[in-house]
Amino acid sequence: MNPKKVLIVGAGPGGLTAAMILASKGYRVEVFEKSNVVGGRNAPLRLGPYTFDTGPTFLMMRHILDEVFAITGRKSEDYLKCTEVDPMYRLRFGDGREFFPTRDPDRMKAQMEALFPGSFAQYQKYMKREKVKYERLVPCLQKPYGKISDHFHIPLLKALPYLDLHTDLFSYLGKYFSHDDLRISFTFQAKYLGMSPWQCPATFSIISYIEHGLGIWHVEGGLNQISTQMANVLKEEGGTLHLSTPVSEVLVENGKARGLVLESGERVMGDYVIINADFAHAMTHLVHPRHR
């Protein structure tokens, strides 16, 4: 019996994750990428001998990356060299004081007590509560929500009290930290979302917990190397990567995506189609109006 064929639009990290996993499970996989390099929003920009990330520049939740490679029977460290960033960053306050957050408890305590007397106990209380939030919320983010009933499963209901949607991030941190500068030290992550900590829902305090609890990692060569190595795994598993191959339409038959029309006019048919492009763009540009 011939293996099922999967067509994937977009060679960003999401598309390549799906591609390498499915290829390792025996599916015939073809990935179509409009650019001449993989990576999508995290593609490399090369200027002479230098390479820059066009997207994020550091890695969080490294264990997820490890899990993806493990599913294919591989170890991420055989493909990528990751080094924990310690200290995580330098925070400079208006009066000239500097704070270097670290996951080393002894160094963290010494700094916090010198800069913000009495704050380390507050920090421990904050991290304890955020650990519970993380353990409740993250599993919910890894489940499908294709049916109405999925929104009422027990783990999600148990996580609701930890969403903290009733308050903003800065006010929420006031429950733990008495020094405003310290509160700022745990709210600037809201900029990752393009939001002010005075408007950002307190749900996103989980971001600073992820940094302090799980670490920040530097990938040698830049985060673009993640997509590059995922593409290598895809090829090792027999998958096909088509670069500089824009897709113009997703073919839909009987309500199911069954193929692609390339800008060249070529039609490629498969059993399944995965779209890793921007959802709004894909629905308005790649899917015919009668199928939306």
C-alpha atoms as a PDB file:
ATOM      1  CA  MET A   1       0.000   0.000   0.000  1.00  0.00           C
ATOM      2  CA  ASN A   2       1.364   3.401  -0.979  1.00  0.00           C
ATOM      3  CA  PRO A   3       1.958   5.794   1.932  1.00  0.00           C
ATOM      4  CA  LYS A   4      -0.276   8.840   2.205  1.00  0.00           C
ATOM      5  CA  LYS A   5       1.045  12.015   0.600  1.00  0.00           C
ATOM      6  CA  VAL A   6       1.145  15.290   2.548  1.00  0.00           C
ATOM      7  CA  LEU A   7       1.624  18.695   0.905  1.00  0.00           C
ATOM      8  CA  ILE A   8       2.841  21.506   3.157  1.00  0.00           C
ATOM      9  CA  VAL A   9       2.717  25.202   2.278  1.00  0.00           C
ATOM     10  CA  GLY A  10       5.506  27.155   3.951  1.00  0.00           C
ATOM     11  CA  ALA A  11       8.930  26.121   5.231  1.00  0.00           C
ATOM     12  CA  GLY A  12       8.852  28.041   8.478  1.00  0.00           C
ATOM     13  CA  PRO A  13       9.492  26.273  11.807  1.00  0.00           C
ATOM     14  CA  GLY A  14       5.864  25.118  12.023  1.00  0.00           C
ATOM     15  CA  GLY A  15       5.726  23.664   8.531  1.00  0.00           C
ATOM     16  CA  LEU A  16       9.099  21.989   8.899  1.00  0.00           C
ATOM     17  CA  THR A  17       8.146  20.546  12.296  1.00  0.00           C
ATOM     18  CA  ALA A  18       5.093  18.919  10.720  1.00  0.00           C
ATOM     19  CA  ALA A  19       7.171  17.821   7.738  1.00  0.00           C
ATOM     20  CA  MET A  20       9.978  16.120   9.653  1.00  0.00           C
ATOM     21  CA  ILE A  21       7.599  14.355  12.034  1.00  0.00           C
ATOM     22  CA  LEU A  22       5.262  13.105   9.296  1.00  0.00           C
ATOM     23  CA  ALA A  23       8.164  12.008   7.092  1.00  0.00           C
ATOM     24  CA  SER A  24       9.629  10.047  10.011  1.00  0.00           C
ATOM     25  CA  LYS A  25       6.268   8.284  10.398  1.00  0.00           C
ATOM     26  CA  GLY A  26       6.279   7.065   6.812  1.00  0.00           C
ATOM     27  CA  TYR A  27       4.261   9.735   5.014  1.00  0.00           C
ATOM     28  CA  ARG A  28       5.398  11.077   1.646  1.00  0.00           C
ATOM     29  CA  VAL A  29       5.999  14.741   2.344  1.00  0.00           C
ATOM     30  CA  GLU A  30       6.533  17.669  -0.008  1.00  0.00           C
ATOM     31  CA  VAL A  31       7.097  21.205   1.279  1.00  0.00           C
ATOM     32  CA  PHE A  32       6.586  24.266  -0.930  1.00  0.00           C
ATOM     33  CA  GLU A  33       8.311  27.517   0.050  1.00  0.00           C
ATOM     34  CA  LYS A  34       8.081  30.777  -1.923  1.00  0.00           C
ATOM     35  CA  SER A  35      11.441  32.062  -0.649  1.00  0.00           C
ATOM     36  CA  ASN A  36      14.846  30.756  -1.685  1.00  0.00           C
ATOM     37  CA  VAL A  37      15.649  29.846   1.942  1.00  0.00           C
ATOM     38  CA  VAL A  38      13.805  28.052   4.729  1.00  0.00           C
ATOM     39  CA  GLY A  39      12.748  29.748   7.948  1.00  0.00           C
ATOM     40  CA  GLY A  40       9.743  31.909   7.116  1.00  0.00           C
ATOM     41  CA  ARG A  41       9.615  34.757   9.613  1.00  0.00           C
ATOM     42  CA  ASN A  42      12.757  33.299  11.153  1.00  0.00           C
ATOM     43  CA  ALA A  43      14.787  33.133   7.946  1.00  0.00           C
ATOM     44  CA  PRO A  44      18.435  34.227   7.811  1.00  0.00           C
ATOM     45  CA  LEU A  45      19.612  37.497   6.286  1.00  0.00           C
ATOM     46  CA  ARG A  46      23.116  37.195   4.876  1.00  0.00           C
ATOM     47  CA  LEU A  47      25.296  40.241   4.280  1.00  0.00           C
ATOM     48  CA  GLY A  48      28.767  39.298   3.145  1.00  0.00           C
ATOM     49  CA  PRO A  49      30.311  36.993   5.753  1.00  0.00           C
ATOM     50  CA  TYR A  50      27.620  37.847   8.331  1.00  0.00           C
ATOM     51  CA  THR A  51      24.301  36.149   9.039  1.00  0.00           C
ATOM     52  CA  PHE A  52      21.421  37.760  10.941  1.00  0.00           C
ATOM     53  CA  ASP A  53      18.126  36.385  12.206  1.00  0.00           C
ATOM     54  CA  THR A  54      15.176  38.220  10.666  1.00  0.00           C
ATOM     55  CA  GLY A  55      12.944  37.032  13.501  1.00  0.00           C
ATOM     56  CA  PRO A  56      13.563  36.020  17.135  1.00  0.00           C
ATOM     57  CA  THR A  57      17.167  35.872  18.286  1.00  0.00           C
ATOM     58  CA  PHE A  58      16.963  33.626  21.356  1.00  0.00           C
ATOM     59  CA  LEU A  59      15.240  30.362  22.217  1.00  0.00           C
ATOM     60  CA  MET A  60      12.752  29.714  25.006  1.00  0.00           C
ATOM     61  CA  MET A  61      11.177  26.386  26.022  1.00  0.00           C
ATOM     62  CA  ARG A  62      14.039  24.411  24.544  1.00  0.00           C
ATOM     63  CA  HIS A  63      12.470  21.174  25.747  1.00  0.00           C
ATOM     64  CA  ILE A  64       9.776  21.520  23.067  1.00  0.00           C
ATOM     65  CA  LEU A  65      12.484  21.548  20.408  1.00  0.00           C
ATOM     66  CA  ASP A  66      14.061  18.494  22.038  1.00  0.00           C
ATOM     67  CA  GLU A  67      10.695  16.711  21.960  1.00  0.00           C
ATOM     68  CA  VAL A  68      10.218  17.413  18.250  1.00  0.00           C
ATOM     69  CA  PHE A  69      13.563  15.862  17.370  1.00  0.00           C
ATOM     70  CA  ALA A  70      12.926  12.965  19.767  1.00  0.00           C
ATOM     71  CA  ILE A  71       9.689  12.090  17.958  1.00  0.00           C
ATOM     72  CA  THR A  72      11.784  11.450  14.848  1.00  0.00           C
ATOM     73  CA  GLY A  73      14.222   9.295  16.829  1.00  0.00           C
ATOM     74  CA  ARG A  74      16.894  11.973  16.990  1.00  0.00           C
ATOM     75  CA  LYS A  75      18.616  14.214  19.516  1.00  0.00           C
ATOM     76  CA  SER A  76      18.511  17.957  18.922  1.00  0.00           C
ATOM     77  CA  GLU A  77      22.082  18.309  20.190  1.00  0.00           C
ATOM     78  CA  ASP A  78      23.273  16.225  17.239  1.00  0.00           C
ATOM     79  CA  TYR A  79      22.025  18.991  14.944  1.00  0.00           C
ATOM     80  CA  LEU A  80      22.115  22.182  17.009  1.00  0.00           C
ATOM     81  CA  LYS A  81      24.489  23.642  19.574  1.00  0.00           C
ATOM     82  CA  CYS A  82      22.511  25.474  22.263  1.00  0.00           C
ATOM     83  CA  THR A  83      24.105  27.437  25.107  1.00  0.00           C
ATOM     84  CA  GLU A  84      22.154  28.801  28.046  1.00  0.00           C
ATOM     85  CA  VAL A  85      22.398  32.590  28.319  1.00  0.00           C
ATOM     86  CA  ASP A  86      23.588  33.470  31.825  1.00  0.00           C
ATOM     87  CA  PRO A  87      22.919  36.112  32.934  1.00  0.00           C
ATOM     88  CA  MET A  88      19.773  36.272  30.836  1.00  0.00           C
ATOM     89  CA  TYR A  89      20.043  39.995  30.144  1.00  0.00           C
ATOM     90  CA  ARG A  90      21.183  43.298  31.622  1.00  0.00           C
ATOM     91  CA  LEU A  91      18.553  45.680  32.960  1.00  0.00           C
ATOM     92  CA  ARG A  92      19.689  49.261  33.489  1.00  0.00           C
ATOM     93  CA  PHE A  93      17.510  51.593  35.546  1.00  0.00           C
ATOM     94  CA  GLY A  94      17.269  55.361  35.235  1.00  0.00           C
ATOM     95  CA  ASP A  95      19.447  55.981  38.287  1.00  0.00           C
ATOM     96  CA  GLY A  96      22.294  53.919  36.826  1.00  0.00           C
ATOM     97  CA  ARG A  97      21.726  50.710  38.799  1.00  0.00           C
ATOM     98  CA  GLU A  98      22.063  47.487  36.838  1.00  0.00           C
ATOM     99  CA  PHE A  99      20.358  44.142  37.362  1.00  0.00           C
ATOM    100  CA  PHE A 100      21.568  40.900  35.757  1.00  0.00           C
ATOM    101  CA  PRO A 101      18.808  38.263  36.196  1.00  0.00           C
ATOM    102  CA  THR A 102      20.118  34.711  36.430  1.00  0.00           C
ATOM    103  CA  ARG A 103      18.781  31.244  37.193  1.00  0.00           C
ATOM    104  CA  ASP A 104      21.571  30.714  39.731  1.00  0.00           C
ATOM    105  CA  PRO A 105      19.689  31.095  43.056  1.00  0.00           C
ATOM    106  CA  ASP A 106      22.685  32.289  45.066  1.00  0.00           C
ATOM    107  CA  ARG A 107      23.656  34.998  42.601  1.00  0.00           C
ATOM    108  CA  MET A 108      20.038  35.997  42.101  1.00  0.00           C
ATOM    109  CA  LYS A 109      19.482  36.354  45.848  1.00  0.00           C
ATOM    110  CA  ALA A 110      22.648  38.419  46.329  1.00  0.00           C
ATOM    111  CA  GLN A 111      21.643  40.825  43.557  1.00  0.00           C
ATOM    112  CA  MET A 112      18.023  41.167  44.581  1.00  0.00           C
ATOM    113  CA  GLU A 113      18.783  41.799  48.236  1.00  0.00           C
ATOM    114  CA  ALA A 114      21.402  44.412  47.302  1.00  0.00           C
ATOM    115  CA  LEU A 115      19.145  46.239  44.834  1.00  0.00           C
ATOM    116  CA  PHE A 116      15.725  45.561  46.356  1.00  0.00           C
ATOM    117  CA  PRO A 117      16.069  44.607  50.054  1.00  0.00           C
ATOM    118  CA  GLY A 118      13.655  41.896  51.139  1.00  0.00           C
ATOM    119  CA  SER A 119      12.677  41.023  47.575  1.00  0.00           C
ATOM    120  CA  PHE A 120      14.098  37.516  47.200  1.00  0.00           C
ATOM    121  CA  ALA A 121      11.375  35.963  49.345  1.00  0.00           C
ATOM    122  CA  GLN A 122       8.826  37.809  47.182  1.00  0.00           C
ATOM    123  CA  TYR A 123      10.510  36.406  44.084  1.00  0.00           C
ATOM    124  CA  GLN A 124      10.323  32.853  45.442  1.00  0.00           C
ATOM    125  CA  LYS A 125       6.620  33.267  46.189  1.00  0.00           C
ATOM    126  CA  TYR A 126       6.025  34.612  42.682  1.00  0.00           C
ATOM    127  CA  MET A 127       7.914  31.748  41.025  1.00  0.00           C
ATOM    128  CA  LYS A 128       6.046  29.156  43.086  1.00  0.00           C
ATOM    129  CA  ARG A 129       2.673  30.480  41.958  1.00  0.00           C
ATOM    130  CA  GLU A 130       3.776  30.915  38.336  1.00  0.00           C
ATOM    131  CA  LYS A 131       5.027  27.334  38.235  1.00  0.00           C
ATOM    132  CA  VAL A 132       1.504  26.156  39.002  1.00  0.00           C
ATOM    133  CA  LYS A 133       0.111  28.506  36.333  1.00  0.00           C
ATOM    134  CA  TYR A 134       2.574  27.125  33.799  1.00  0.00           C
ATOM    135  CA  GLU A 135       1.772  23.508  34.662  1.00  0.00           C
ATOM    136  CA  ARG A 136      -1.965  24.189  34.339  1.00  0.00           C
ATOM    137  CA  LEU A 137      -1.948  26.344  31.194  1.00  0.00           C
ATOM    138  CA  VAL A 138       0.704  24.860  28.913  1.00  0.00           C
ATOM    139  CA  PRO A 139      -0.941  21.415  28.527  1.00  0.00           C
ATOM    140  CA  CYS A 140      -4.131  23.225  27.474  1.00  0.00           C
ATOM    141  CA  LEU A 141      -2.212  25.008  24.719  1.00  0.00           C
ATOM    142  CA  GLN A 142      -1.112  21.647  23.325  1.00  0.00           C
ATOM    143  CA  LYS A 143      -4.618  20.251  22.825  1.00  0.00           C
ATOM    144  CA  PRO A 144      -6.922  20.592  19.785  1.00  0.00           C
ATOM    145  CA  TYR A 145     -10.065  22.705  20.038  1.00  0.00           C
ATOM    146  CA  GLY A 146     -11.931  21.532  16.965  1.00  0.00           C
ATOM    147  CA  LYS A 147     -15.175  20.767  18.799  1.00  0.00           C
ATOM    148  CA  ILE A 148     -17.285  22.828  21.189  1.00  0.00           C
ATOM    149  CA  SER A 149     -16.882  20.129  23.840  1.00  0.00           C
ATOM    150  CA  ASP A 150     -13.089  20.592  23.725  1.00  0.00           C
ATOM    151  CA  HIS A 151     -13.569  23.950  25.460  1.00  0.00           C
ATOM    152  CA  PHE A 152     -15.044  22.228  28.496  1.00  0.00           C
ATOM    153  CA  HIS A 153     -12.516  19.488  29.220  1.00  0.00           C
ATOM    154  CA  ILE A 154     -11.417  19.218  32.850  1.00  0.00           C
ATOM    155  CA  PRO A 155      -7.781  20.416  32.477  1.00  0.00           C
ATOM    156  CA  LEU A 156      -8.948  23.645  30.827  1.00  0.00           C
ATOM    157  CA  LEU A 157     -11.569  24.287  33.497  1.00  0.00           C
ATOM    158  CA  LYS A 158      -8.930  23.767  36.193  1.00  0.00           C
ATOM    159  CA  ALA A 159      -6.651  26.249  34.438  1.00  0.00           C
ATOM    160  CA  LEU A 160      -9.239  29.053  34.250  1.00  0.00           C
ATOM    161  CA  PRO A 161      -8.487  30.490  37.736  1.00  0.00           C
ATOM    162  CA  TYR A 162      -4.875  30.968  36.638  1.00  0.00           C
ATOM    163  CA  LEU A 163      -5.642  33.020  33.528  1.00  0.00           C
ATOM    164  CA  ASP A 164      -5.681  36.235  35.604  1.00  0.00           C
ATOM    165  CA  LEU A 165      -7.643  38.058  32.904  1.00  0.00           C
ATOM    166  CA  HIS A 166      -9.177  40.451  35.405  1.00  0.00           C
ATOM    167  CA  THR A 167      -6.051  42.571  35.824  1.00  0.00           C
ATOM    168  CA  ASP A 168      -3.097  43.958  33.905  1.00  0.00           C
ATOM    169  CA  LEU A 169       0.421  42.598  34.188  1.00  0.00           C
ATOM    170  CA  PHE A 170       1.921  45.512  36.134  1.00  0.00           C
ATOM    171  CA  SER A 171      -0.859  45.508  38.739  1.00  0.00           C
ATOM    172  CA  TYR A 172      -0.686  41.735  39.078  1.00  0.00           C
ATOM    173  CA  LEU A 173       3.024  41.858  39.888  1.00  0.00           C
ATOM    174  CA  GLY A 174       2.246  44.359  42.635  1.00  0.00           C
ATOM    175  CA  LYS A 175       0.828  41.403  44.574  1.00  0.00           C
ATOM    176  CA  TYR A 176       4.358  40.024  44.835  1.00  0.00           C
ATOM    177  CA  PHE A 177       6.898  42.826  44.428  1.00  0.00           C
ATOM    178  CA  SER A 178       6.926  46.017  46.499  1.00  0.00           C
ATOM    179  CA  HIS A 179       9.620  47.748  44.399  1.00  0.00           C
ATOM    180  CA  ASP A 180       8.356  49.301  41.154  1.00  0.00           C
ATOM    181  CA  ASP A 181      11.668  48.759  39.366  1.00  0.00           C
ATOM    182  CA  LEU A 182      11.467  45.078  40.205  1.00  0.00           C
ATOM    183  CA  ARG A 183       7.936  44.920  38.836  1.00  0.00           C
ATOM    184  CA  ILE A 184       9.231  46.484  35.624  1.00  0.00           C
ATOM    185  CA  SER A 185      11.930  43.806  35.523  1.00  0.00           C
ATOM    186  CA  PHE A 186       9.201  41.180  35.181  1.00  0.00           C
ATOM    187  CA  THR A 187       6.889  43.099  32.842  1.00  0.00           C
ATOM    188  CA  PHE A 188       9.088  44.230  29.962  1.00  0.00           C
ATOM    189  CA  GLN A 189       8.444  40.837  28.335  1.00  0.00           C
ATOM    190  CA  ALA A 190       5.084  42.321  27.297  1.00  0.00           C
ATOM    191  CA  LYS A 191       6.992  44.012  24.489  1.00  0.00           C
ATOM    192  CA  TYR A 192       7.324  40.586  22.874  1.00  0.00           C
ATOM    193  CA  LEU A 193       3.557  40.856  22.347  1.00  0.00           C
ATOM    194  CA  GLY A 194       3.681  44.499  21.297  1.00  0.00           C
ATOM    195  CA  MET A 195       1.759  45.512  24.420  1.00  0.00           C
ATOM    196  CA  SER A 196       2.188  47.822  27.377  1.00  0.00           C
ATOM    197  CA  PRO A 197       2.475  46.073  30.780  1.00  0.00           C
ATOM    198  CA  TRP A 198      -0.295  48.418  31.937  1.00  0.00           C
ATOM    199  CA  GLN A 199      -2.605  46.957  29.269  1.00  0.00           C
ATOM    200  CA  CYS A 200      -1.259  43.438  28.825  1.00  0.00           C
ATOM    201  CA  PRO A 201      -3.402  40.798  30.602  1.00  0.00           C
ATOM    202  CA  ALA A 202      -1.696  39.239  33.619  1.00  0.00           C
ATOM    203  CA  THR A 203      -2.024  35.869  31.885  1.00  0.00           C
ATOM    204  CA  PHE A 204       1.249  36.674  30.182  1.00  0.00           C
ATOM    205  CA  SER A 205       3.230  36.743  33.414  1.00  0.00           C
ATOM    206  CA  ILE A 206       3.913  33.183  32.332  1.00  0.00           C
ATOM    207  CA  ILE A 207       6.504  34.537  29.867  1.00  0.00           C
ATOM    208  CA  SER A 208       8.818  35.819  32.581  1.00  0.00           C
ATOM    209  CA  TYR A 209       8.343  32.523  34.435  1.00  0.00           C
ATOM    210  CA  ILE A 210       9.411  30.600  31.331  1.00  0.00           C
ATOM    211  CA  GLU A 211      12.580  32.709  31.166  1.00  0.00           C
ATOM    212  CA  HIS A 212      13.422  32.403  34.856  1.00  0.00           C
ATOM    213  CA  GLY A 213      12.202  28.833  35.286  1.00  0.00           C
ATOM    214  CA  LEU A 214      13.362  27.202  32.054  1.00  0.00           C
ATOM    215  CA  GLY A 215      16.108  29.490  30.821  1.00  0.00           C
ATOM    216  CA  ILE A 216      16.982  31.437  27.685  1.00  0.00           C
ATOM    217  CA  TRP A 217      19.126  29.735  25.064  1.00  0.00           C
ATOM    218  CA  HIS A 218      21.427  30.895  22.285  1.00  0.00           C
ATOM    219  CA  VAL A 219      21.564  28.729  19.173  1.00  0.00           C
ATOM    220  CA  GLU A 220      24.981  28.820  17.534  1.00  0.00           C
ATOM    221  CA  GLY A 221      24.588  30.353  14.083  1.00  0.00           C
ATOM    222  CA  GLY A 222      21.290  31.963  15.042  1.00  0.00           C
ATOM    223  CA  LEU A 223      17.747  30.691  15.470  1.00  0.00           C
ATOM    224  CA  ASN A 224      17.550  30.350  11.695  1.00  0.00           C
ATOM    225  CA  GLN A 225      19.645  27.204  12.177  1.00  0.00           C
ATOM    226  CA  ILE A 226      16.631  25.469  13.726  1.00  0.00           C
ATOM    227  CA  SER A 227      14.741  25.616  10.425  1.00  0.00           C
ATOM    228  CA  THR A 228      17.870  24.685   8.480  1.00  0.00           C
ATOM    229  CA  GLN A 229      18.404  21.545  10.558  1.00  0.00           C
ATOM    230  CA  MET A 230      14.719  20.626  10.464  1.00  0.00           C
ATOM    231  CA  ALA A 231      14.944  20.766   6.673  1.00  0.00           C
ATOM    232  CA  ASN A 232      17.964  18.459   6.847  1.00  0.00           C
ATOM    233  CA  VAL A 233      15.978  15.952   8.914  1.00  0.00           C
ATOM    234  CA  LEU A 234      13.153  16.125   6.372  1.00  0.00           C
ATOM    235  CA  LYS A 235      15.588  15.262   3.584  1.00  0.00           C
ATOM    236  CA  GLU A 236      17.125  12.448   5.648  1.00  0.00           C
ATOM    237  CA  GLU A 237      13.637  10.966   5.978  1.00  0.00           C
ATOM    238  CA  GLY A 238      13.087  11.092   2.219  1.00  0.00           C
ATOM    239  CA  GLY A 239      10.928  14.218   2.126  1.00  0.00           C
ATOM    240  CA  THR A 240      11.122  16.819  -0.635  1.00  0.00           C
ATOM    241  CA  LEU A 241      11.678  20.547  -0.183  1.00  0.00           C
ATOM    242  CA  HIS A 242      10.772  22.918  -3.032  1.00  0.00           C
ATOM    243  CA  LEU A 243      12.336  26.367  -2.581  1.00  0.00           C
ATOM    244  CA  SER A 244      11.431  29.411  -4.710  1.00  0.00           C
ATOM    245  CA  THR A 245       8.117  27.676  -5.420  1.00  0.00           C
ATOM    246  CA  PRO A 246       5.156  29.944  -4.577  1.00  0.00           C
ATOM    247  CA  VAL A 247       1.688  28.441  -4.221  1.00  0.00           C
ATOM    248  CA  SER A 248      -1.216  30.300  -5.831  1.00  0.00           C
ATOM    249  CA  GLU A 249      -4.179  28.177  -4.729  1.00  0.00           C
ATOM    250  CA  VAL A 250      -5.248  25.348  -2.455  1.00  0.00           C
ATOM    251  CA  LEU A 251      -7.429  22.888  -4.347  1.00  0.00           C
ATOM    252  CA  VAL A 252     -10.538  21.825  -2.438  1.00  0.00           C
ATOM    253  CA  GLU A 253     -12.637  18.792  -3.366  1.00  0.00           C
ATOM    254  CA  ASN A 254     -15.817  17.865  -1.500  1.00  0.00           C
ATOM    255  CA  GLY A 255     -14.913  20.223   1.321  1.00  0.00           C
ATOM    256  CA  LYS A 256     -11.394  18.844   1.803  1.00  0.00           C
ATOM    257  CA  ALA A 257      -8.044  20.266   0.706  1.00  0.00           C
ATOM    258  CA  ARG A 258      -6.573  17.806  -1.791  1.00  0.00           C
ATOM    259  CA  GLY A 259      -3.896  19.662  -3.712  1.00  0.00           C
ATOM    260  CA  LEU A 260      -2.057  22.826  -4.671  1.00  0.00           C
ATOM    261  CA  VAL A 261      -1.746  25.012  -7.727  1.00  0.00           C
ATOM    262  CA  LEU A 262       1.737  26.465  -8.044  1.00  0.00           C
ATOM    263  CA  GLU A 263       2.364  29.892  -9.539  1.00  0.00           C
ATOM    264  CA  SER A 264       3.963  28.072 -12.459  1.00  0.00           C
ATOM    265  CA  GLY A 265       0.543  26.576 -13.207  1.00  0.00           C
ATOM    266  CA  GLU A 266       1.507  23.069 -12.139  1.00  0.00           C
ATOM    267  CA  ARG A 267      -0.999  21.111 -10.081  1.00  0.00           C
ATOM    268  CA  VAL A 268       0.226  18.856  -7.281  1.00  0.00           C
ATOM    269  CA  MET A 269      -2.250  16.474  -5.672  1.00  0.00           C
ATOM    270  CA  GLY A 270      -2.010  14.756  -2.305  1.00  0.00           C
ATOM    271  CA  ASP A 271      -4.029  13.146   0.457  1.00  0.00           C
ATOM    272  CA  TYR A 272      -3.614  15.980   2.950  1.00  0.00           C
ATOM    273  CA  VAL A 273      -2.647  19.662   2.836  1.00  0.00           C
ATOM    274  CA  ILE A 274      -1.076  21.605   5.698  1.00  0.00           C
ATOM    275  CA  ILE A 275      -0.898  25.394   5.466  1.00  0.00           C
ATOM    276  CA  ASN A 276       1.887  26.970   7.497  1.00  0.00           C
ATOM    277  CA  ALA A 277       1.368  30.387   5.914  1.00  0.00           C
ATOM    278  CA  ASP A 278      -0.287  33.279   7.735  1.00  0.00           C
ATOM    279  CA  PHE A 279      -3.901  32.159   8.232  1.00  0.00           C
ATOM    280  CA  ALA A 280      -5.576  35.396   7.121  1.00  0.00           C
ATOM    281  CA  HIS A 281      -3.366  35.640   4.039  1.00  0.00           C
ATOM    282  CA  ALA A 282      -3.889  31.990   3.141  1.00  0.00           C
ATOM    283  CA  MET A 283      -7.670  32.143   3.441  1.00  0.00           C
ATOM    284  CA  THR A 284      -7.977  35.344   1.402  1.00  0.00           C
ATOM    285  CA  HIS A 285      -5.338  34.570  -1.239  1.00  0.00           C
ATOM    286  CA  LEU A 286      -4.971  30.790  -1.524  1.00  0.00           C
ATOM    287  CA  VAL A 287      -8.496  29.497  -0.879  1.00  0.00           C
ATOM    288  CA  HIS A 288     -11.260  30.212  -3.395  1.00  0.00           C
ATOM    289  CA  PRO A 289     -14.128  32.297  -1.898  1.00  0.00           C
ATOM    290  CA  ARG A 290     -16.647  29.476  -2.337  1.00  0.00           C
ATOM    291  CA  HIS A 291     -14.568  27.240  -0.043  1.00  0.00           C
ATOM    292  CA  ARG A 292     -13.904  29.733   2.776  1.00  0.00           C
END
